[in-house]
């Protein structure tokens, strides 16, 4: 039984060890764990704050991108509309100019035909007058004493009618 005395339990020694452990735990908690935890909590808050700011900036950037895309679509629609309107106006103006040119050409053609008809009529009258004068002179010389002037005019008129027919 001698071996039992080596394994003896000293209660005061155990209580002092527990007291030391409690004091060391309290000191470490007060001076080490709480400041480290405080620093870690502050660091976590800073990181969370940075993430929140980054998410907010990303959301703002996305909103700006959407606004930009909407503005670009609106600008494209506006320019497309302006181009379409300009093309329609140009087409309409081209049609108007074409119609005006046609009308003017028809008017010029009508005027030219009228002028040609009047010139032809005038030339025909001049030719008739010339023929009448020449035939009168010839006939006068040939039949100077044989025919009366009224008969002579009748003969010329019948001759001119044969020319027209």
C-alpha atoms as a PDB file:
ATOM      1  CA  UNK A   1       0.000   0.000   0.000  1.00  0.00           C
ATOM      2  CA  UNK A   2       2.760   2.255  -0.214  1.00  0.00           C
ATOM      3  CA  UNK A   3       2.012   3.064  -3.763  1.00  0.00           C
ATOM      4  CA  UNK A   4      -1.194   4.816  -2.737  1.00  0.00           C
ATOM      5  CA  UNK A   5       0.603   7.611  -1.018  1.00  0.00           C
ATOM      6  CA  UNK A   6       2.134   8.700  -4.296  1.00  0.00           C
ATOM      7  CA  UNK A   7      -1.234   9.164  -5.923  1.00  0.00           C
ATOM      8  CA  UNK A   8      -2.649  11.257  -3.185  1.00  0.00           C
ATOM      9  CA  UNK A   9      -4.994  14.107  -4.035  1.00  0.00           C
ATOM     10  CA  UNK A  10      -4.336  17.453  -2.494  1.00  0.00           C
ATOM     11  CA  UNK A  11      -7.566  19.437  -2.538  1.00  0.00           C
ATOM     12  CA  UNK A  12      -5.888  22.753  -1.800  1.00  0.00           C
ATOM     13  CA  UNK A  13      -3.540  22.278  -4.673  1.00  0.00           C
ATOM     14  CA  UNK A  14      -6.466  21.554  -7.035  1.00  0.00           C
ATOM     15  CA  UNK A  15      -8.406  24.573  -5.779  1.00  0.00           C
ATOM     16  CA  UNK A  16      -5.420  26.865  -6.229  1.00  0.00           C
ATOM     17  CA  UNK A  17      -4.874  25.488  -9.750  1.00  0.00           C
ATOM     18  CA  UNK A  18      -8.554  26.113 -10.610  1.00  0.00           C
ATOM     19  CA  UNK A  19      -8.282  29.602  -9.112  1.00  0.00           C
ATOM     20  CA  UNK A  20      -5.149  30.250 -11.209  1.00  0.00           C
ATOM     21  CA  UNK A  21      -6.934  28.944 -14.287  1.00  0.00           C
ATOM     22  CA  UNK A  22      -9.970  31.156 -13.593  1.00  0.00           C
ATOM     23  CA  UNK A  23      -7.791  34.232 -12.975  1.00  0.00           C
ATOM     24  CA  UNK A  24      -5.738  33.558 -16.116  1.00  0.00           C
ATOM     25  CA  UNK A  25      -8.924  33.005 -18.134  1.00  0.00           C
ATOM     26  CA  UNK A  26     -10.418  36.226 -16.754  1.00  0.00           C
ATOM     27  CA  UNK A  27      -7.186  38.200 -17.493  1.00  0.00           C
ATOM     28  CA  UNK A  28      -6.945  36.775 -20.987  1.00  0.00           C
ATOM     29  CA  UNK A  29     -10.611  37.463 -21.624  1.00  0.00           C
ATOM     30  CA  UNK A  30     -10.354  41.029 -20.291  1.00  0.00           C
ATOM     31  CA  UNK A  31      -7.064  42.035 -21.909  1.00  0.00           C
ATOM     32  CA  UNK A  32      -6.708  39.708 -24.877  1.00  0.00           C
ATOM     33  CA  UNK A  33      -9.978  38.215 -26.098  1.00  0.00           C
ATOM     34  CA  UNK A  34     -12.170  41.323 -25.755  1.00  0.00           C
ATOM     35  CA  UNK A  35      -9.743  43.693 -27.574  1.00  0.00           C
ATOM     36  CA  UNK A  36      -9.040  41.090 -30.258  1.00  0.00           C
ATOM     37  CA  UNK A  37     -12.772  40.440 -30.596  1.00  0.00           C
ATOM     38  CA  UNK A  38     -13.385  44.196 -30.707  1.00  0.00           C
ATOM     39  CA  UNK A  39     -10.741  44.617 -33.443  1.00  0.00           C
ATOM     40  CA  UNK A  40     -12.186  41.663 -35.364  1.00  0.00           C
ATOM     41  CA  UNK A  41     -15.728  43.057 -35.014  1.00  0.00           C
ATOM     42  CA  UNK A  42     -14.570  46.476 -36.235  1.00  0.00           C
ATOM     43  CA  UNK A  43     -12.772  44.807 -39.120  1.00  0.00           C
ATOM     44  CA  UNK A  44     -15.901  42.775 -39.950  1.00  0.00           C
ATOM     45  CA  UNK A  45     -18.004  45.978 -39.833  1.00  0.00           C
ATOM     46  CA  UNK A  46     -15.518  47.752 -42.131  1.00  0.00           C
ATOM     47  CA  UNK A  47     -15.581  44.829 -44.566  1.00  0.00           C
ATOM     48  CA  UNK A  48     -19.381  44.647 -44.442  1.00  0.00           C
ATOM     49  CA  UNK A  49     -19.543  48.406 -44.975  1.00  0.00           C
ATOM     50  CA  UNK A  50     -17.149  48.132 -47.943  1.00  0.00           C
ATOM     51  CA  UNK A  51     -19.258  45.305 -49.418  1.00  0.00           C
ATOM     52  CA  UNK A  52     -22.403  47.376 -48.912  1.00  0.00           C
ATOM     53  CA  UNK A  53     -20.787  50.393 -50.609  1.00  0.00           C
ATOM     54  CA  UNK A  54     -19.560  48.162 -53.447  1.00  0.00           C
ATOM     55  CA  UNK A  55     -23.016  46.650 -53.885  1.00  0.00           C
ATOM     56  CA  UNK A  56     -24.557  50.114 -53.820  1.00  0.00           C
ATOM     57  CA  UNK A  57     -22.025  51.387 -56.372  1.00  0.00           C
ATOM     58  CA  UNK A  58     -22.687  48.318 -58.524  1.00  0.00           C
ATOM     59  CA  UNK A  59     -26.444  48.913 -58.300  1.00  0.00           C
ATOM     60  CA  UNK A  60     -25.947  52.581 -59.216  1.00  0.00           C
ATOM     61  CA  UNK A  61     -23.699  51.587 -62.105  1.00  0.00           C
ATOM     62  CA  UNK A  62     -26.330  49.107 -63.298  1.00  0.00           C
ATOM     63  CA  UNK A  63     -28.996  51.814 -63.014  1.00  0.00           C
ATOM     64  CA  UNK A  64     -26.778  54.240 -64.970  1.00  0.00           C
ATOM     65  CA  UNK A  65     -26.186  51.568 -67.599  1.00  0.00           C
ATOM     66  CA  UNK A  66     -29.939  50.962 -67.898  1.00  0.00           C
ATOM     67  CA  UNK A  67     -30.562  54.712 -68.168  1.00  0.00           C
ATOM     68  CA  UNK A  68     -27.811  54.984 -70.778  1.00  0.00           C
ATOM     69  CA  UNK A  69     -29.240  52.051 -72.743  1.00  0.00           C
ATOM     70  CA  UNK A  70     -32.716  53.598 -72.584  1.00  0.00           C
ATOM     71  CA  UNK A  71     -31.338  56.964 -73.695  1.00  0.00           C
ATOM     72  CA  UNK A  72     -29.451  55.320 -76.549  1.00  0.00           C
ATOM     73  CA  UNK A  73     -32.595  53.436 -77.660  1.00  0.00           C
ATOM     74  CA  UNK A  74     -34.587  56.680 -77.504  1.00  0.00           C
ATOM     75  CA  UNK A  75     -31.883  58.519 -79.451  1.00  0.00           C
ATOM     76  CA  UNK A  76     -31.789  55.749 -82.058  1.00  0.00           C
ATOM     77  CA  UNK A  77     -35.574  55.847 -82.389  1.00  0.00           C
ATOM     78  CA  UNK A  78     -35.454  59.626 -82.711  1.00  0.00           C
ATOM     79  CA  UNK A  79     -32.748  59.513 -85.373  1.00  0.00           C
ATOM     80  CA  UNK A  80     -34.537  56.698 -87.200  1.00  0.00           C
ATOM     81  CA  UNK A  81     -37.734  58.759 -87.122  1.00  0.00           C
ATOM     82  CA  UNK A  82     -35.886  61.849 -88.336  1.00  0.00           C
ATOM     83  CA  UNK A  83     -34.269  59.891 -91.163  1.00  0.00           C
ATOM     84  CA  UNK A  84     -37.618  58.365 -92.083  1.00  0.00           C
ATOM     85  CA  UNK A  85     -39.307  61.776 -92.044  1.00  0.00           C
ATOM     86  CA  UNK A  86     -36.519  63.303 -94.131  1.00  0.00           C
ATOM     87  CA  UNK A  87     -36.750  60.448 -96.650  1.00  0.00           C
ATOM     88  CA  UNK A  88     -40.538  60.862 -96.908  1.00  0.00           C
ATOM     89  CA  UNK A  89     -40.177  64.628 -97.323  1.00  0.00           C
ATOM     90  CA  UNK A  90     -37.497  64.159 -99.980  1.00  0.00           C
ATOM     91  CA  UNK A  91     -39.636  61.605-101.786  1.00  0.00           C
ATOM     92  CA  UNK A  92     -42.682  63.869-101.595  1.00  0.00           C
ATOM     93  CA  UNK A  93     -40.659  66.877-102.777  1.00  0.00           C
ATOM     94  CA  UNK A  94     -39.174  64.770-105.587  1.00  0.00           C
ATOM     95  CA  UNK A  95     -42.672  63.751-106.658  1.00  0.00           C
ATOM     96  CA  UNK A  96     -43.805  67.379-106.535  1.00  0.00           C
ATOM     97  CA  UNK A  97     -40.824  68.488-108.633  1.00  0.00           C
ATOM     98  CA  UNK A  98     -41.436  65.635-111.075  1.00  0.00           C
ATOM     99  CA  UNK A  99     -45.127  66.540-111.379  1.00  0.00           C
ATOM    100  CA  UNK A 100     -44.296  70.213-111.826  1.00  0.00           C
ATOM    101  CA  UNK A 101     -41.755  69.307-114.510  1.00  0.00           C
ATOM    102  CA  UNK A 102     -44.323  67.121-116.299  1.00  0.00           C
ATOM    103  CA  UNK A 103     -46.928  69.855-116.160  1.00  0.00           C
ATOM    104  CA  UNK A 104     -44.408  72.415-117.382  1.00  0.00           C
ATOM    105  CA  UNK A 105     -43.285  70.088-120.186  1.00  0.00           C
ATOM    106  CA  UNK A 106     -46.898  69.506-121.216  1.00  0.00           C
ATOM    107  CA  UNK A 107     -47.547  73.235-121.144  1.00  0.00           C
ATOM    108  CA  UNK A 108     -44.435  73.884-123.248  1.00  0.00           C
ATOM    109  CA  UNK A 109     -45.486  71.135-125.656  1.00  0.00           C
ATOM    110  CA  UNK A 110     -49.020  72.544-125.930  1.00  0.00           C
ATOM    111  CA  UNK A 111     -47.612  76.019-126.484  1.00  0.00           C
ATOM    112  CA  UNK A 112     -45.165  74.725-129.085  1.00  0.00           C
ATOM    113  CA  UNK A 113     -47.949  72.844-130.889  1.00  0.00           C
ATOM    114  CA  UNK A 114     -50.127  75.950-130.792  1.00  0.00           C
ATOM    115  CA  UNK A 115     -47.242  78.086-132.074  1.00  0.00           C
ATOM    116  CA  UNK A 116     -46.519  75.544-134.808  1.00  0.00           C
ATOM    117  CA  UNK A 117     -50.205  75.441-135.782  1.00  0.00           C
ATOM    118  CA  UNK A 118     -50.357  79.247-135.912  1.00  0.00           C
ATOM    119  CA  UNK A 119     -47.121  79.411-137.907  1.00  0.00           C
ATOM    120  CA  UNK A 120     -48.432  76.764-140.308  1.00  0.00           C
ATOM    121  CA  UNK A 121     -51.684  78.669-140.729  1.00  0.00           C
ATOM    122  CA  UNK A 122     -49.780  81.900-141.262  1.00  0.00           C
ATOM    123  CA  UNK A 123     -47.441  80.211-143.745  1.00  0.00           C
ATOM    124  CA  UNK A 124     -50.425  78.739-145.580  1.00  0.00           C
ATOM    125  CA  UNK A 125     -52.066  82.148-145.731  1.00  0.00           C
ATOM    126  CA  UNK A 126     -48.830  83.723-146.903  1.00  0.00           C
ATOM    127  CA  UNK A 127     -48.425  81.022-149.566  1.00  0.00           C
ATOM    128  CA  UNK A 128     -52.031  81.467-150.694  1.00  0.00           C
ATOM    129  CA  UNK A 129     -51.596  85.181-150.859  1.00  0.00           C
ATOM    130  CA  UNK A 130     -48.348  84.761-152.769  1.00  0.00           C
ATOM    131  CA  UNK A 131     -49.939  82.219-155.149  1.00  0.00           C
ATOM    132  CA  UNK A 132     -52.922  84.494-155.597  1.00  0.00           C
ATOM    133  CA  UNK A 133     -50.694  87.459-156.367  1.00  0.00           C
ATOM    134  CA  UNK A 134     -48.540  85.495-158.805  1.00  0.00           C
ATOM    135  CA  UNK A 135     -51.514  83.909-160.544  1.00  0.00           C
ATOM    136  CA  UNK A 136     -53.242  87.257-160.698  1.00  0.00           C
ATOM    137  CA  UNK A 137     -50.249  88.816-162.338  1.00  0.00           C
ATOM    138  CA  UNK A 138     -49.870  85.905-164.735  1.00  0.00           C
ATOM    139  CA  UNK A 139     -53.497  85.819-165.572  1.00  0.00           C
ATOM    140  CA  UNK A 140     -53.604  89.554-166.063  1.00  0.00           C
ATOM    141  CA  UNK A 141     -50.827  89.367-168.502  1.00  0.00           C
ATOM    142  CA  UNK A 142     -52.331  86.425-170.366  1.00  0.00           C
ATOM    143  CA  UNK A 143     -55.905  87.467-170.330  1.00  0.00           C
ATOM    144  CA  UNK A 144     -55.512  91.165-169.799  1.00  0.00           C
ATOM    145  CA  UNK A 145     -58.495  92.156-171.861  1.00  0.00           C
ATOM    146  CA  UNK A 146     -60.510  88.988-172.016  1.00  0.00           C
ATOM    147  CA  UNK A 147     -61.580  88.522-168.327  1.00  0.00           C
ATOM    148  CA  UNK A 148     -63.258  90.705-165.780  1.00  0.00           C
ATOM    149  CA  UNK A 149     -61.628  91.061-162.339  1.00  0.00           C
ATOM    150  CA  UNK A 150     -64.572  89.345-160.535  1.00  0.00           C
ATOM    151  CA  UNK A 151     -64.288  86.282-162.749  1.00  0.00           C
ATOM    152  CA  UNK A 152     -60.591  86.284-162.143  1.00  0.00           C
ATOM    153  CA  UNK A 153     -61.063  86.291-158.346  1.00  0.00           C
ATOM    154  CA  UNK A 154     -63.564  83.439-158.524  1.00  0.00           C
ATOM    155  CA  UNK A 155     -61.150  81.381-160.604  1.00  0.00           C
ATOM    156  CA  UNK A 156     -58.368  81.971-158.060  1.00  0.00           C
ATOM    157  CA  UNK A 157     -60.643  81.045-155.122  1.00  0.00           C
ATOM    158  CA  UNK A 158     -61.664  77.765-156.786  1.00  0.00           C
ATOM    159  CA  UNK A 159     -58.013  77.032-157.475  1.00  0.00           C
ATOM    160  CA  UNK A 160     -57.144  77.620-153.790  1.00  0.00           C
ATOM    161  CA  UNK A 161     -59.969  75.383-152.676  1.00  0.00           C
ATOM    162  CA  UNK A 162     -58.633  72.597-154.855  1.00  0.00           C
ATOM    163  CA  UNK A 163     -55.239  73.085-153.189  1.00  0.00           C
ATOM    164  CA  UNK A 164     -56.776  72.753-149.686  1.00  0.00           C
ATOM    165  CA  UNK A 165     -58.764  69.641-150.640  1.00  0.00           C
END
